[in-house]
Protein backbone atom coordinates (compact mmCIF):
# COMPACT_ATOMS: atom_id res chain seq x y z
CA MET A 1 64.76 147.25 135.10
CA VAL A 2 63.69 147.60 131.64
CA ARG A 3 62.90 144.72 129.40
CA ARG A 4 62.49 144.83 125.74
CA PHE A 5 62.29 142.23 123.19
CA ARG A 6 63.57 143.54 119.81
CA THR A 7 63.07 141.46 116.78
CA ALA A 8 64.40 143.28 113.73
CA VAL A 9 65.02 141.84 110.02
CA PHE A 10 67.04 143.88 107.28
CA ALA A 11 67.28 142.64 103.68
CA ILE A 12 69.31 144.92 101.46
CA GLY A 13 68.04 144.06 97.67
CA PHE A 14 69.92 141.34 95.95
CA LEU A 15 71.67 142.20 93.51
CA ALA A 16 72.45 140.21 89.90
CA LEU A 17 74.74 137.05 90.69
CA GLY A 18 76.96 135.54 88.54
CA GLY A 19 77.76 132.40 87.67
CA CYS A 20 78.39 130.19 90.66
CA PRO A 21 78.31 126.10 90.92
CA PRO A 22 75.38 124.90 92.88
CA ALA A 23 77.02 123.00 95.61
CA PHE A 24 80.38 122.46 97.27
CA ALA A 25 82.95 119.83 94.80
CA GLN A 26 83.88 117.54 98.09
CA SER A 27 82.60 117.87 101.15
CA PRO A 28 82.56 120.70 103.64
CA PRO A 29 85.82 120.30 106.04
CA ALA A 30 85.56 119.60 109.90
CA PRO A 31 84.74 123.42 111.64
CA THR A 32 87.72 124.73 113.11
CA GLY A 33 87.99 125.67 116.39
CA THR A 34 88.11 124.71 119.85
CA PRO A 35 85.26 121.90 119.78
CA VAL A 36 82.92 122.91 122.90
CA PRO A 37 80.96 119.92 124.21
CA ALA A 38 78.47 121.92 125.80
CA TYR A 39 77.86 123.71 122.17
CA ALA A 40 77.66 120.26 120.25
CA SER A 41 74.09 120.98 119.35
CA LEU A 42 75.07 124.42 117.82
CA ASP A 43 77.69 123.38 115.98
CA GLN A 44 75.12 120.72 114.64
CA ALA A 45 72.35 123.64 113.47
CA ILE A 46 75.00 126.04 111.76
CA LEU A 47 75.94 122.73 109.45
CA ASP A 48 72.45 121.94 108.80
CA PHE A 49 71.32 125.49 107.95
CA MET A 50 74.74 125.81 105.46
CA ASN A 51 73.22 122.54 103.86
CA ARG A 52 69.33 123.81 104.15
CA CYS A 53 70.84 127.36 102.80
CA ASP A 54 73.84 126.52 100.64
CA CYS A 55 76.23 128.87 102.58
CA PRO A 56 79.72 127.85 101.87
CA ALA A 57 81.30 129.08 104.43
CA ALA A 58 80.37 130.82 108.13
CA THR A 59 82.13 131.86 111.19
CA ALA A 60 79.67 131.60 114.68
CA ALA A 61 80.66 133.17 117.95
CA ILE A 62 79.23 133.36 121.62
CA SER A 63 79.86 135.41 124.30
CA HIS A 64 78.54 134.90 128.09
CA ASN A 65 78.88 138.35 130.25
CA GLY A 66 81.42 139.39 128.96
CA LYS A 67 83.70 136.22 128.38
CA LEU A 68 84.00 134.81 124.78
CA VAL A 69 83.51 130.92 125.33
CA TYR A 70 82.20 129.91 122.16
CA SER A 71 84.40 130.27 118.68
CA ARG A 72 84.20 127.88 115.32
CA GLY A 73 84.46 128.82 111.70
CA TYR A 74 82.61 126.27 108.75
CA GLY A 75 83.23 125.53 105.45
CA TRP A 76 85.12 126.89 102.32
CA ALA A 77 86.70 130.24 102.62
CA ASP A 78 87.72 130.10 98.64
CA ALA A 79 86.30 129.24 95.80
CA LEU A 80 88.35 126.45 94.83
CA GLU A 81 88.36 124.90 98.64
CA LYS A 82 91.29 125.08 99.55
CA LYS A 83 91.47 126.52 102.52
CA ARG A 84 88.99 126.06 105.55
CA THR A 85 87.38 128.75 107.56
CA LEU A 86 89.18 129.91 110.32
CA PRO A 87 86.33 131.15 113.84
CA ASP A 88 88.08 134.43 113.96
CA ALA A 89 87.86 135.35 109.52
CA LEU A 90 86.03 138.26 108.19
CA LEU A 91 83.07 138.26 106.07
CA ARG A 92 80.13 141.08 104.98
CA ILE A 93 77.38 141.65 107.72
CA GLY A 94 75.05 143.57 105.61
CA GLY A 95 72.22 145.54 107.68
CA VAL A 96 74.02 144.15 110.89
CA THR A 97 76.76 147.43 109.86
CA GLN A 98 73.05 149.21 111.45
CA PRO A 99 73.57 148.71 115.18
CA ILE A 100 77.06 150.19 114.62
CA THR A 101 75.83 153.23 112.87
CA ALA A 102 73.12 153.56 115.75
CA ALA A 103 75.41 153.31 118.48
CA ALA A 104 78.11 156.15 116.95
CA VAL A 105 75.19 158.11 116.67
CA ARG A 106 73.80 157.81 120.14
CA LYS A 107 77.23 158.31 120.84
CA LEU A 108 76.92 162.13 119.12
CA ILE A 109 73.40 162.72 121.01
CA SER A 110 75.51 162.03 124.41
CA ASP A 111 78.28 164.12 123.37
CA GLY A 112 76.55 166.87 122.72
CA LYS A 113 76.63 167.26 119.33
CA LEU A 114 73.28 166.17 117.93
CA SER A 115 69.68 165.57 119.06
CA LEU A 116 67.21 163.15 118.84
CA ASP A 117 64.92 166.19 117.71
CA THR A 118 67.47 167.78 115.58
CA LYS A 119 66.31 167.77 111.39
CA ALA A 120 68.45 165.41 109.48
CA PHE A 121 67.75 167.26 105.95
CA LYS A 122 68.10 170.67 106.76
CA TYR A 123 71.98 169.77 109.39
CA LEU A 124 73.26 168.19 106.60
CA ASN A 125 71.95 171.16 103.92
CA LEU A 126 72.66 169.41 101.35
CA LYS A 127 71.44 171.18 97.29
CA PRO A 128 69.21 167.90 95.61
CA LEU A 129 70.75 166.34 92.52
CA ARG A 130 68.01 166.91 90.47
CA ALA A 131 65.90 170.07 90.10
CA ALA A 132 62.54 168.84 90.69
CA ASN A 133 61.71 170.46 93.83
CA PRO A 134 62.15 168.43 97.33
CA ASP A 135 59.32 166.83 99.14
CA PRO A 136 58.88 169.53 101.88
CA ARG A 137 58.26 167.07 104.29
CA LEU A 138 62.29 166.14 104.29
CA GLY A 139 62.56 168.59 106.50
CA ASP A 140 60.79 167.48 109.28
CA ILE A 141 62.86 164.08 109.64
CA THR A 142 65.03 163.76 112.78
CA VAL A 143 67.87 161.98 113.83
CA ALA A 144 65.28 159.62 116.04
CA ASP A 145 63.04 158.56 113.11
CA LEU A 146 65.92 157.30 110.90
CA LEU A 147 67.18 155.43 114.23
CA ASP A 148 63.54 154.25 113.90
CA HIS A 149 62.97 153.30 110.41
CA ARG A 150 59.84 156.37 110.66
CA GLY A 151 61.50 158.59 107.73
CA GLY A 152 59.13 157.68 104.80
CA TRP A 153 60.71 155.77 102.88
CA ASP A 154 59.56 151.93 101.78
CA ALA A 155 62.06 150.27 99.75
CA HIS A 156 58.98 148.48 98.29
CA SER A 157 58.04 151.66 96.36
CA PHE A 158 61.39 152.84 95.20
CA ASP A 159 65.06 151.49 96.79
CA PRO A 160 68.52 153.67 95.28
CA PHE A 161 70.64 150.76 96.22
CA THR A 162 68.73 148.54 93.66
CA ASN A 163 68.48 150.88 90.83
CA MET A 164 72.16 152.14 90.83
CA ARG A 165 71.64 152.82 87.00
CA ALA A 166 68.76 155.18 87.68
CA VAL A 167 71.44 157.76 90.08
CA GLU A 168 74.26 157.52 88.00
CA LYS A 169 72.51 158.24 84.99
CA SER A 170 71.84 161.65 87.16
CA LEU A 171 75.42 162.09 87.58
CA HIS A 172 76.32 161.44 84.07
CA VAL A 173 79.12 159.77 85.46
CA ALA A 174 80.43 155.86 84.93
CA ARG A 175 81.47 154.93 88.37
CA ARG A 176 79.78 153.91 91.17
CA PRO A 177 77.93 157.25 93.48
CA ARG A 178 78.86 158.40 96.61
CA PRO A 179 76.56 157.29 99.88
CA VAL A 180 76.05 161.13 100.00
CA GLU A 181 75.33 161.62 95.70
CA ILE A 182 72.74 158.99 96.48
CA VAL A 183 70.87 160.64 99.22
CA ARG A 184 71.01 164.07 97.41
CA TYR A 185 69.34 161.96 94.42
CA MET A 186 66.95 160.86 97.15
CA MET A 187 66.04 163.99 97.90
CA SER A 188 63.93 164.90 94.95
CA GLU A 189 62.00 161.47 95.25
CA PRO A 190 58.66 161.90 97.07
CA LEU A 191 58.27 159.94 100.50
CA GLN A 192 56.09 157.05 101.33
CA PHE A 193 54.11 158.21 103.99
CA ASP A 194 54.39 161.36 106.75
CA PRO A 195 57.97 161.01 108.39
CA GLY A 196 57.16 159.93 111.91
CA SER A 197 53.91 158.22 111.09
CA GLU A 198 54.88 154.55 109.92
CA LYS A 199 57.72 152.37 110.72
CA ILE A 200 59.05 150.86 107.36
CA TYR A 201 63.02 148.98 107.55
CA SER A 202 64.38 151.64 105.31
CA ASN A 203 68.19 150.94 103.99
CA PHE A 204 68.51 154.44 103.04
CA GLY A 205 67.44 156.56 106.26
CA TYR A 206 70.81 154.91 107.78
CA CYS A 207 72.84 156.48 104.42
CA VAL A 208 71.35 159.37 105.56
CA LEU A 209 72.45 158.89 109.27
CA GLY A 210 75.96 157.61 107.91
CA ARG A 211 75.78 161.60 106.62
CA VAL A 212 74.74 162.88 109.79
CA ILE A 213 77.43 161.34 111.64
CA GLU A 214 80.42 162.95 108.82
CA LYS A 215 78.90 166.04 109.55
CA ALA A 216 79.03 165.99 112.94
CA THR A 217 82.22 164.91 112.86
CA GLY A 218 83.93 165.96 110.26
CA LYS A 219 85.17 163.14 109.78
CA SER A 220 84.52 160.19 107.47
CA TYR A 221 81.63 157.79 108.36
CA ALA A 222 84.37 154.71 109.12
CA ALA A 223 86.86 157.05 110.84
CA TYR A 224 84.21 157.89 113.76
CA VAL A 225 83.29 153.86 113.83
CA LYS A 226 86.86 153.19 114.34
CA ASP A 227 88.02 156.00 116.28
CA ALA A 228 84.84 156.92 118.71
CA LEU A 229 83.17 153.14 118.96
CA MET A 230 86.01 149.85 117.67
CA GLN A 231 89.28 151.36 119.64
CA PRO A 232 88.13 152.17 123.25
CA LEU A 233 86.60 148.42 123.06
CA GLY A 234 89.71 147.15 121.97
CA ILE A 235 87.99 146.16 118.58
CA ASP A 236 90.15 145.61 115.52
CA ASP A 237 87.63 143.13 113.02
CA ILE A 238 85.10 145.61 112.50
CA ARG A 239 85.57 147.55 109.23
CA PRO A 240 84.33 148.89 105.70
CA ALA A 241 84.29 146.20 103.63
CA ARG A 242 85.91 146.33 100.06
CA HIS A 243 84.61 145.70 96.69
CA PHE A 244 88.02 144.14 95.00
CA ALA A 245 89.73 141.07 96.16
CA ASP A 246 92.70 142.64 95.87
CA GLN A 247 91.55 145.02 98.60
CA ARG A 248 90.65 143.11 100.90
CA ASP A 249 92.48 141.40 104.03
CA SER A 250 94.11 138.14 103.63
CA ARG A 251 91.26 136.21 106.77
CA GLU A 252 88.41 138.06 105.05
CA VAL A 253 86.17 134.80 102.85
CA TRP A 254 85.54 134.92 99.02
CA TYR A 255 82.30 135.21 98.30
CA PRO A 256 79.50 133.23 95.51
CA VAL A 257 78.80 136.19 94.46
CA LYS A 258 79.76 139.11 91.62
CA ASP A 259 79.21 142.93 91.52
CA VAL A 260 78.06 144.24 94.75
CA PRO A 261 78.45 147.83 95.60
CA ILE A 262 79.82 147.33 98.92
CA GLU A 263 81.58 150.63 99.24
CA VAL A 264 78.08 152.72 98.76
CA PHE A 265 76.21 150.40 101.54
CA ASP A 266 78.77 152.01 104.24
CA SER A 267 76.63 153.32 106.69
CA PHE A 268 73.80 150.72 106.94
CA GLY A 269 75.18 147.97 104.85
CA GLY A 270 79.12 147.50 104.07
CA LEU A 271 80.60 146.75 107.09
CA ILE A 272 82.78 143.31 107.37
CA ALA A 273 83.40 141.76 110.82
CA SER A 274 84.35 139.05 112.72
CA ALA A 275 81.96 136.85 114.74
CA PRO A 276 83.75 137.37 117.74
CA ALA A 277 84.16 141.09 116.96
CA LEU A 278 80.65 141.46 117.00
CA CYS A 279 80.20 139.69 120.05
CA LYS A 280 82.57 142.58 122.31
CA PHE A 281 80.95 145.24 120.55
CA LEU A 282 77.52 143.55 121.42
CA ASP A 283 78.72 142.99 124.95
CA ALA A 284 79.28 147.14 125.05
CA TYR A 285 75.82 148.25 123.05
CA TRP A 286 72.53 146.70 122.34
CA ALA A 287 71.63 146.95 119.35
CA ASN A 288 69.55 150.22 119.06
CA GLY A 289 72.76 151.16 119.54
CA LYS A 290 72.12 152.32 123.40
CA PRO A 291 75.32 151.12 125.86
CA ARG A 292 74.07 148.60 128.09
CA GLN A 293 74.41 149.25 131.45
CA PRO A 294 74.06 146.72 134.64
CA GLY A 295 70.68 145.58 135.58
CA ASP A 296 69.62 146.44 132.07
CA ASP A 297 67.20 143.13 131.31
CA GLU A 298 66.25 143.29 127.56
CA GLN A 299 67.05 140.53 124.35
CA TRP A 300 67.81 141.24 120.60
CA THR A 301 67.64 139.48 117.25
CA TYR A 302 69.19 141.30 113.98
CA PHE A 303 69.18 139.68 110.77
CA GLY A 304 71.23 141.52 107.82
CA ASN A 305 71.14 140.20 104.03
CA ILE A 306 72.81 140.62 101.52
CA ALA A 307 73.56 139.22 97.88
CA GLY A 308 76.03 137.14 99.58
CA THR A 309 75.90 137.06 102.84
CA THR A 310 73.75 136.76 105.90
CA ALA A 311 74.34 137.57 109.51
CA LEU A 312 72.79 137.26 112.60
CA ILE A 313 73.60 139.04 116.18
CA ARG A 314 71.21 137.99 119.46
CA GLU A 315 71.17 139.40 122.79
CA ARG A 316 69.67 137.47 125.27
CA SER A 317 68.68 138.77 129.03
CA ASP A 318 70.64 136.38 130.81
CA GLY A 319 73.93 137.30 129.72
CA TYR A 320 74.91 135.04 126.39
CA ASN A 321 75.73 137.34 122.76
CA ILE A 322 75.61 135.28 119.68
CA ALA A 323 76.85 136.32 116.31
CA ILE A 324 76.34 133.91 113.12
CA LEU A 325 78.20 135.15 109.52
CA CYS A 326 77.54 133.15 106.70
CA THR A 327 77.98 133.09 103.13
CA VAL A 328 75.47 132.44 100.43
CA ARG A 329 75.00 130.77 97.46
CA GLY A 330 71.45 131.58 96.53
CA LYS A 331 69.86 133.77 94.24
CA LYS A 332 66.94 134.79 96.22
CA PRO A 333 66.61 136.32 100.01
CA LEU A 334 66.40 133.80 102.57
CA THR A 335 63.67 133.85 103.92
CA GLU A 336 61.53 134.48 107.30
CA LYS A 337 61.18 130.79 107.92
CA ASP A 338 65.25 130.10 107.39
CA ASN A 339 66.24 132.90 109.66
CA ARG A 340 63.40 131.70 112.39
CA LEU A 341 64.22 128.22 112.37
CA LEU A 342 67.76 129.35 112.90
CA GLU A 343 67.31 131.54 115.84
CA ARG A 344 65.45 129.14 117.85
CA GLN A 345 67.75 126.10 116.67
CA ILE A 346 70.21 128.93 118.56
CA ASP A 347 68.50 129.48 121.53
CA GLU A 348 67.32 125.73 121.88
CA ALA A 349 71.36 124.60 122.13
CA ILE A 350 72.71 127.72 124.42
CA ASP A 351 69.25 126.66 126.97
CA LYS A 352 71.16 122.87 127.01
CA ALA A 353 74.52 124.45 127.29
CA ALA A 354 73.85 127.18 129.95
CA ALA A 355 71.37 124.14 131.78
CA ALA A 356 74.27 121.91 132.15
CA GLU A 357 77.16 124.38 133.22
CA THR A 358 74.26 124.87 136.18
CA LYS A 359 73.87 121.28 137.23
């Protein structure tokens, strides 16, 4: 029996937001989906969170021992506040993309195409975008370092995803950089610490893992995730996000932000999902990407915040999996206090429902 408790919070830098109305033009609609009396307190917790954090839309789902037991939608799915958010609505999931990337990498390891000791940059064999000499420590960074956020980067010092213009200037192009170009740009940036010596969450490290997946498979990141992970599980509702509204699925909600380069985020924050689809993924994989095995006794909580959205997944040792996805109007990231309050309220609601079922 292995028992682990891990909590991970990933925040992708908030970009400039467009002008948005500060509140609903009208009262939020009643939740959609089938009400479950045992989870009434969870409904209220989500509605309170939406009101406190100014969330126009949200979805939530719970599975228990592989069976979906709760799925609801909240708020308005469109800017005009005419379409209610349905339980299977699609939303951006930000850093919750990273457990999916980790699962893809670990599958390649189990298939013998990579190892935890694979030197990522030697394996990629990319040429730096700029003439400056690469940090010699790049050659020491392993796949294990990237999975565990020990690659050597500290986004507080420099994050290319919140400094896209610097990358664009080096490319001399009037378009968004591609993920591989961001990797080549960062090869001329110094590391902030020796690989493996510290653990500091790094969105960029998971961008590198996306390129490792592509090199190992000869497929795009999105294609491999679809073919190797989602199709075997029968999941259709986890897929790449799209920046332009006319390229999005009709079930995807409206976002109260502008100019989020979501496609560039691909392997660290660029997927959309429905809450039930995320629960189905969590039934098969832990949030560190490892396949779930009978007898495992682990707990994981994982947050993902990007401009306009926040996501939470929770895996409990009693077989409950939870996914909550929200759009957010605020110009600042949600605080740790916001996240922890929601997590605590979720656990209290599930504890109450589980106790009722045993009576």
